[in-house]
Amino acid sequence: LEKFARAEGKRGGEFYTPASVVKTL
C-alpha cells in the first residue's frame, strides 16, 4: 500500500496515510 501510494503520487493520498502519522494518532 505504501509503495503503490508513492507510485500513484497525489492520488495515493486518497487511500494511504503515512505509518508514523497513524501511530502518533
PDB file of all heavy atoms in Angstrom:
ATOM      1  N   LEU A   1       0.837  -1.198   0.000  1.00  0.00           N
ATOM      2  CA  LEU A   1       0.000   0.000   0.000  1.00  0.00           C
ATOM      3  C   LEU A   1       0.876   1.254   0.000  1.00  0.00           C
ATOM      4  O   LEU A   1       0.599   2.226  -0.708  1.00  0.00           O
ATOM      5  CB  LEU A   1      -0.929   0.004   1.215  1.00  0.00           C
ATOM      6  CG  LEU A   1      -2.090  -0.990   1.171  1.00  0.00           C
ATOM      7  CD1 LEU A   1      -2.820  -1.006   2.503  1.00  0.00           C
ATOM      8  CD2 LEU A   1      -3.067  -0.654   0.046  1.00  0.00           C
ATOM      9  N   GLU A   2       1.940   1.224   0.785  1.00  0.00           N
ATOM     10  CA  GLU A   2       2.852   2.362   0.826  1.00  0.00           C
ATOM     11  C   GLU A   2       3.550   2.545  -0.526  1.00  0.00           C
ATOM     12  O   GLU A   2       3.656   3.664  -1.039  1.00  0.00           O
ATOM     13  CB  GLU A   2       3.885   2.165   1.932  1.00  0.00           C
ATOM     14  CG  GLU A   2       4.879   3.319   2.039  1.00  0.00           C
ATOM     15  CD  GLU A   2       5.900   3.110   3.147  1.00  0.00           C
ATOM     16  OE1 GLU A   2       5.855   2.054   3.802  1.00  0.00           O
ATOM     17  OE2 GLU A   2       6.734   4.003   3.327  1.00  0.00           O
ATOM     18  N   LYS A   3       4.022   1.445  -1.110  1.00  0.00           N
ATOM     19  CA  LYS A   3       4.712   1.531  -2.395  1.00  0.00           C
ATOM     20  C   LYS A   3       3.775   2.035  -3.502  1.00  0.00           C
ATOM     21  O   LYS A   3       4.167   2.864  -4.335  1.00  0.00           O
ATOM     22  CB  LYS A   3       5.264   0.156  -2.781  1.00  0.00           C
ATOM     23  CG  LYS A   3       6.354  -0.360  -1.863  1.00  0.00           C
ATOM     24  CD  LYS A   3       7.701   0.274  -2.155  1.00  0.00           C
ATOM     25  CE  LYS A   3       8.405  -0.404  -3.291  1.00  0.00           C
ATOM     26  NZ  LYS A   3       9.784   0.104  -3.480  1.00  0.00           N
ATOM     27  N   PHE A   4       2.558   1.544  -3.496  1.00  0.00           N
ATOM     28  CA  PHE A   4       1.608   1.971  -4.524  1.00  0.00           C
ATOM     29  C   PHE A   4       1.204   3.436  -4.322  1.00  0.00           C
ATOM     30  O   PHE A   4       0.980   4.158  -5.290  1.00  0.00           O
ATOM     31  CB  PHE A   4       0.375   1.078  -4.524  1.00  0.00           C
ATOM     32  CG  PHE A   4       0.585  -0.245  -5.223  1.00  0.00           C
ATOM     33  CD1 PHE A   4       0.349  -1.440  -4.568  1.00  0.00           C
ATOM     34  CD2 PHE A   4       1.031  -0.296  -6.524  1.00  0.00           C
ATOM     35  CE1 PHE A   4       0.554  -2.659  -5.197  1.00  0.00           C
ATOM     36  CE2 PHE A   4       1.245  -1.506  -7.166  1.00  0.00           C
ATOM     37  CZ  PHE A   4       1.001  -2.691  -6.498  1.00  0.00           C
ATOM     38  N   ALA A   5       1.095   3.856  -3.055  1.00  0.00           N
ATOM     39  CA  ALA A   5       0.772   5.259  -2.793  1.00  0.00           C
ATOM     40  C   ALA A   5       1.853   6.163  -3.371  1.00  0.00           C
ATOM     41  O   ALA A   5       1.568   7.210  -3.957  1.00  0.00           O
ATOM     42  CB  ALA A   5       0.634   5.489  -1.292  1.00  0.00           C
ATOM     43  N   ARG A   6       3.108   5.743  -3.233  1.00  0.00           N
ATOM     44  CA  ARG A   6       4.202   6.528  -3.811  1.00  0.00           C
ATOM     45  C   ARG A   6       4.128   6.527  -5.333  1.00  0.00           C
ATOM     46  O   ARG A   6       4.333   7.553  -5.981  1.00  0.00           O
ATOM     47  CB  ARG A   6       5.538   5.945  -3.366  1.00  0.00           C
ATOM     48  CG  ARG A   6       5.836   6.153  -1.893  1.00  0.00           C
ATOM     49  CD  ARG A   6       7.119   5.459  -1.498  1.00  0.00           C
ATOM     50  NE  ARG A   6       7.455   5.720  -0.111  1.00  0.00           N
ATOM     51  CZ  ARG A   6       8.477   5.169   0.518  1.00  0.00           C
ATOM     52  NH1 ARG A   6       9.274   4.339  -0.132  1.00  0.00           N
ATOM     53  NH2 ARG A   6       8.714   5.455   1.774  1.00  0.00           N
ATOM     54  N   ALA A   7       3.820   5.367  -5.904  1.00  0.00           N
ATOM     55  CA  ALA A   7       3.767   5.249  -7.363  1.00  0.00           C
ATOM     56  C   ALA A   7       2.649   6.103  -7.951  1.00  0.00           C
ATOM     57  O   ALA A   7       2.787   6.652  -9.044  1.00  0.00           O
ATOM     58  CB  ALA A   7       3.576   3.784  -7.764  1.00  0.00           C
ATOM     59  N   GLU A   8       1.553   6.230  -7.216  1.00  0.00           N
ATOM     60  CA  GLU A   8       0.409   6.971  -7.737  1.00  0.00           C
ATOM     61  C   GLU A   8       0.503   8.466  -7.466  1.00  0.00           C
ATOM     62  O   GLU A   8      -0.317   9.233  -7.948  1.00  0.00           O
ATOM     63  CB  GLU A   8      -0.890   6.420  -7.136  1.00  0.00           C
ATOM     64  CG  GLU A   8      -1.243   5.031  -7.640  1.00  0.00           C
ATOM     65  CD  GLU A   8      -2.643   4.602  -7.227  1.00  0.00           C
ATOM     66  OE1 GLU A   8      -3.550   5.454  -7.266  1.00  0.00           O
ATOM     67  OE2 GLU A   8      -2.823   3.430  -6.879  1.00  0.00           O
ATOM     68  N   GLY A   9       1.489   8.885  -6.664  1.00  0.00           N
ATOM     69  CA  GLY A   9       1.642  10.306  -6.392  1.00  0.00           C
ATOM     70  C   GLY A   9       0.463  10.853  -5.603  1.00  0.00           C
ATOM     71  O   GLY A   9       0.043  10.275  -4.614  1.00  0.00           O
ATOM     72  N   LYS A  10      -0.078  11.962  -6.039  1.00  0.00           N
ATOM     73  CA  LYS A  10      -1.134  12.652  -5.293  1.00  0.00           C
ATOM     74  C   LYS A  10      -2.345  11.771  -5.044  1.00  0.00           C
ATOM     75  O   LYS A  10      -2.943  11.781  -3.978  1.00  0.00           O
ATOM     76  CB  LYS A  10      -1.563  13.920  -6.045  1.00  0.00           C
ATOM     77  CG  LYS A  10      -2.561  14.765  -5.271  1.00  0.00           C
ATOM     78  CD  LYS A  10      -2.871  16.061  -5.994  1.00  0.00           C
ATOM     79  CE  LYS A  10      -3.866  16.898  -5.202  1.00  0.00           C
ATOM     80  NZ  LYS A  10      -4.174  18.178  -5.880  1.00  0.00           N
ATOM     81  N   ARG A  11      -2.732  10.948  -6.038  1.00  0.00           N
ATOM     82  CA  ARG A  11      -3.908  10.091  -5.860  1.00  0.00           C
ATOM     83  C   ARG A  11      -3.683   9.053  -4.764  1.00  0.00           C
ATOM     84  O   ARG A  11      -4.619   8.565  -4.152  1.00  0.00           O
ATOM     85  CB  ARG A  11      -4.252   9.369  -7.165  1.00  0.00           C
ATOM     86  CG  ARG A  11      -4.953  10.234  -8.192  1.00  0.00           C
ATOM     87  CD  ARG A  11      -5.681   9.374  -9.220  1.00  0.00           C
ATOM     88  NE  ARG A  11      -6.789   8.663  -8.640  1.00  0.00           N
ATOM     89  CZ  ARG A  11      -6.794   7.363  -8.380  1.00  0.00           C
ATOM     90  NH1 ARG A  11      -5.743   6.618  -8.588  1.00  0.00           N
ATOM     91  NH2 ARG A  11      -7.875   6.793  -7.884  1.00  0.00           N
ATOM     92  N   GLY A  12      -2.410   8.700  -4.516  1.00  0.00           N
ATOM     93  CA  GLY A  12      -2.119   7.718  -3.485  1.00  0.00           C
ATOM     94  C   GLY A  12      -2.551   8.174  -2.109  1.00  0.00           C
ATOM     95  O   GLY A  12      -2.842   7.356  -1.236  1.00  0.00           O
ATOM     96  N   GLY A  13      -2.593   9.502  -1.900  1.00  0.00           N
ATOM     97  CA  GLY A  13      -3.028  10.027  -0.617  1.00  0.00           C
ATOM     98  C   GLY A  13      -4.482   9.736  -0.301  1.00  0.00           C
ATOM     99  O   GLY A  13      -4.923   9.883   0.832  1.00  0.00           O
ATOM    100  N   GLU A  14      -5.240   9.331  -1.330  1.00  0.00           N
ATOM    101  CA  GLU A  14      -6.652   9.031  -1.106  1.00  0.00           C
ATOM    102  C   GLU A  14      -6.840   7.753  -0.304  1.00  0.00           C
ATOM    103  O   GLU A  14      -7.885   7.550   0.296  1.00  0.00           O
ATOM    104  CB  GLU A  14      -7.376   8.904  -2.454  1.00  0.00           C
ATOM    105  CG  GLU A  14      -7.408  10.202  -3.261  1.00  0.00           C
ATOM    106  CD  GLU A  14      -8.040   9.999  -4.628  1.00  0.00           C
ATOM    107  OE1 GLU A  14      -8.507   8.869  -4.895  1.00  0.00           O
ATOM    108  OE2 GLU A  14      -8.077  10.950  -5.413  1.00  0.00           O
ATOM    109  N   PHE A  15      -5.860   6.868  -0.339  1.00  0.00           N
ATOM    110  CA  PHE A  15      -6.057   5.607   0.368  1.00  0.00           C
ATOM    111  C   PHE A  15      -4.974   5.308   1.400  1.00  0.00           C
ATOM    112  O   PHE A  15      -5.064   4.327   2.121  1.00  0.00           O
ATOM    113  CB  PHE A  15      -6.136   4.437  -0.626  1.00  0.00           C
ATOM    114  CG  PHE A  15      -4.876   4.174  -1.409  1.00  0.00           C
ATOM    115  CD1 PHE A  15      -3.852   3.408  -0.875  1.00  0.00           C
ATOM    116  CD2 PHE A  15      -4.716   4.683  -2.693  1.00  0.00           C
ATOM    117  CE1 PHE A  15      -2.692   3.156  -1.590  1.00  0.00           C
ATOM    118  CE2 PHE A  15      -3.562   4.434  -3.419  1.00  0.00           C
ATOM    119  CZ  PHE A  15      -2.549   3.667  -2.868  1.00  0.00           C
ATOM    120  N   TYR A  16      -3.947   6.163   1.509  1.00  0.00           N
ATOM    121  CA  TYR A  16      -2.830   5.820   2.392  1.00  0.00           C
ATOM    122  C   TYR A  16      -2.411   7.008   3.246  1.00  0.00           C
ATOM    123  O   TYR A  16      -2.208   8.110   2.739  1.00  0.00           O
ATOM    124  CB  TYR A  16      -1.638   5.342   1.558  1.00  0.00           C
ATOM    125  CG  TYR A  16      -0.461   4.911   2.399  1.00  0.00           C
ATOM    126  CD1 TYR A  16      -0.460   3.665   3.021  1.00  0.00           C
ATOM    127  CD2 TYR A  16       0.622   5.749   2.593  1.00  0.00           C
ATOM    128  CE1 TYR A  16       0.611   3.263   3.803  1.00  0.00           C
ATOM    129  CE2 TYR A  16       1.696   5.359   3.372  1.00  0.00           C
ATOM    130  CZ  TYR A  16       1.685   4.112   3.976  1.00  0.00           C
ATOM    131  OH  TYR A  16       2.735   3.717   4.757  1.00  0.00           O
ATOM    132  N   THR A  17      -2.276   6.778   4.563  1.00  0.00           N
ATOM    133  CA  THR A  17      -1.743   7.757   5.498  1.00  0.00           C
ATOM    134  C   THR A  17      -0.406   7.238   5.992  1.00  0.00           C
ATOM    135  O   THR A  17      -0.308   6.066   6.377  1.00  0.00           O
ATOM    136  CB  THR A  17      -2.683   7.953   6.700  1.00  0.00           C
ATOM    137  OG1 THR A  17      -3.981   8.317   6.233  1.00  0.00           O
ATOM    138  CG2 THR A  17      -2.167   9.039   7.627  1.00  0.00           C
ATOM    139  N   PRO A  18       0.657   8.054   5.987  1.00  0.00           N
ATOM    140  CA  PRO A  18       1.969   7.579   6.433  1.00  0.00           C
ATOM    141  C   PRO A  18       1.898   6.893   7.794  1.00  0.00           C
ATOM    142  O   PRO A  18       1.216   7.367   8.709  1.00  0.00           O
ATOM    143  CB  PRO A  18       2.797   8.865   6.487  1.00  0.00           C
ATOM    144  CG  PRO A  18       2.166   9.759   5.474  1.00  0.00           C
ATOM    145  CD  PRO A  18       0.695   9.466   5.540  1.00  0.00           C
ATOM    146  N   ALA A  19       2.624   5.788   7.913  1.00  0.00           N
ATOM    147  CA  ALA A  19       2.528   4.954   9.117  1.00  0.00           C
ATOM    148  C   ALA A  19       2.869   5.716  10.388  1.00  0.00           C
ATOM    149  O   ALA A  19       2.223   5.533  11.427  1.00  0.00           O
ATOM    150  CB  ALA A  19       3.438   3.746   8.963  1.00  0.00           C
ATOM    151  N   SER A  20       3.889   6.593  10.343  1.00  0.00           N
ATOM    152  CA  SER A  20       4.277   7.285  11.570  1.00  0.00           C
ATOM    153  C   SER A  20       3.210   8.262  12.038  1.00  0.00           C
ATOM    154  O   SER A  20       3.058   8.508  13.242  1.00  0.00           O
ATOM    155  CB  SER A  20       5.618   8.010  11.383  1.00  0.00           C
ATOM    156  OG  SER A  20       5.531   9.070  10.454  1.00  0.00           O
ATOM    157  N   VAL A  21       2.434   8.808  11.108  1.00  0.00           N
ATOM    158  CA  VAL A  21       1.332   9.705  11.481  1.00  0.00           C
ATOM    159  C   VAL A  21       0.204   8.905  12.130  1.00  0.00           C
ATOM    160  O   VAL A  21      -0.366   9.310  13.160  1.00  0.00           O
ATOM    161  CB  VAL A  21       0.819  10.481  10.250  1.00  0.00           C
ATOM    162  CG1 VAL A  21      -0.393  11.329  10.615  1.00  0.00           C
ATOM    163  CG2 VAL A  21       1.919  11.349   9.663  1.00  0.00           C
ATOM    164  N   VAL A  22      -0.117   7.757  11.541  1.00  0.00           N
ATOM    165  CA  VAL A  22      -1.158   6.895  12.114  1.00  0.00           C
ATOM    166  C   VAL A  22      -0.764   6.447  13.519  1.00  0.00           C
ATOM    167  O   VAL A  22      -1.577   6.470  14.452  1.00  0.00           O
ATOM    168  CB  VAL A  22      -1.411   5.663  11.220  1.00  0.00           C
ATOM    169  CG1 VAL A  22      -2.475   4.764  11.838  1.00  0.00           C
ATOM    170  CG2 VAL A  22      -1.835   6.095   9.818  1.00  0.00           C
ATOM    171  N   LYS A  23       0.487   6.051  13.688  1.00  0.00           N
ATOM    172  CA  LYS A  23       0.952   5.592  15.002  1.00  0.00           C
ATOM    173  C   LYS A  23       0.859   6.706  16.033  1.00  0.00           C
ATOM    174  O   LYS A  23       0.538   6.453  17.202  1.00  0.00           O
ATOM    175  CB  LYS A  23       2.387   5.073  14.896  1.00  0.00           C
ATOM    176  CG  LYS A  23       2.503   3.753  14.146  1.00  0.00           C
ATOM    177  CD  LYS A  23       3.956   3.333  13.971  1.00  0.00           C
ATOM    178  CE  LYS A  23       4.050   2.047  13.153  1.00  0.00           C
ATOM    179  NZ  LYS A  23       5.476   1.674  12.892  1.00  0.00           N
ATOM    180  N   THR A  24       1.143   7.936  15.623  1.00  0.00           N
ATOM    181  CA  THR A  24       1.031   9.063  16.550  1.00  0.00           C
ATOM    182  C   THR A  24      -0.403   9.235  17.023  1.00  0.00           C
ATOM    183  O   THR A  24      -0.665   9.402  18.226  1.00  0.00           O
ATOM    184  CB  THR A  24       1.529  10.361  15.892  1.00  0.00           C
ATOM    185  OG1 THR A  24       2.887  10.183  15.449  1.00  0.00           O
ATOM    186  CG2 THR A  24       1.476  11.521  16.861  1.00  0.00           C
ATOM    187  N   LEU A  25      -1.355   9.199  16.100  1.00  0.00           N
ATOM    188  CA  LEU A  25      -2.768   9.300  16.468  1.00  0.00           C
ATOM    189  C   LEU A  25      -3.155   8.210  17.460  1.00  0.00           C
ATOM    190  O   LEU A  25      -3.797   8.467  18.488  1.00  0.00           O
ATOM    191  CB  LEU A  25      -3.646   9.198  15.221  1.00  0.00           C
ATOM    192  CG  LEU A  25      -3.636  10.372  14.240  1.00  0.00           C
ATOM    193  CD1 LEU A  25      -4.387  10.003  12.970  1.00  0.00           C
ATOM    194  CD2 LEU A  25      -4.261  11.609  14.868  1.00  0.00           C
TER     195      LEU A  25
END
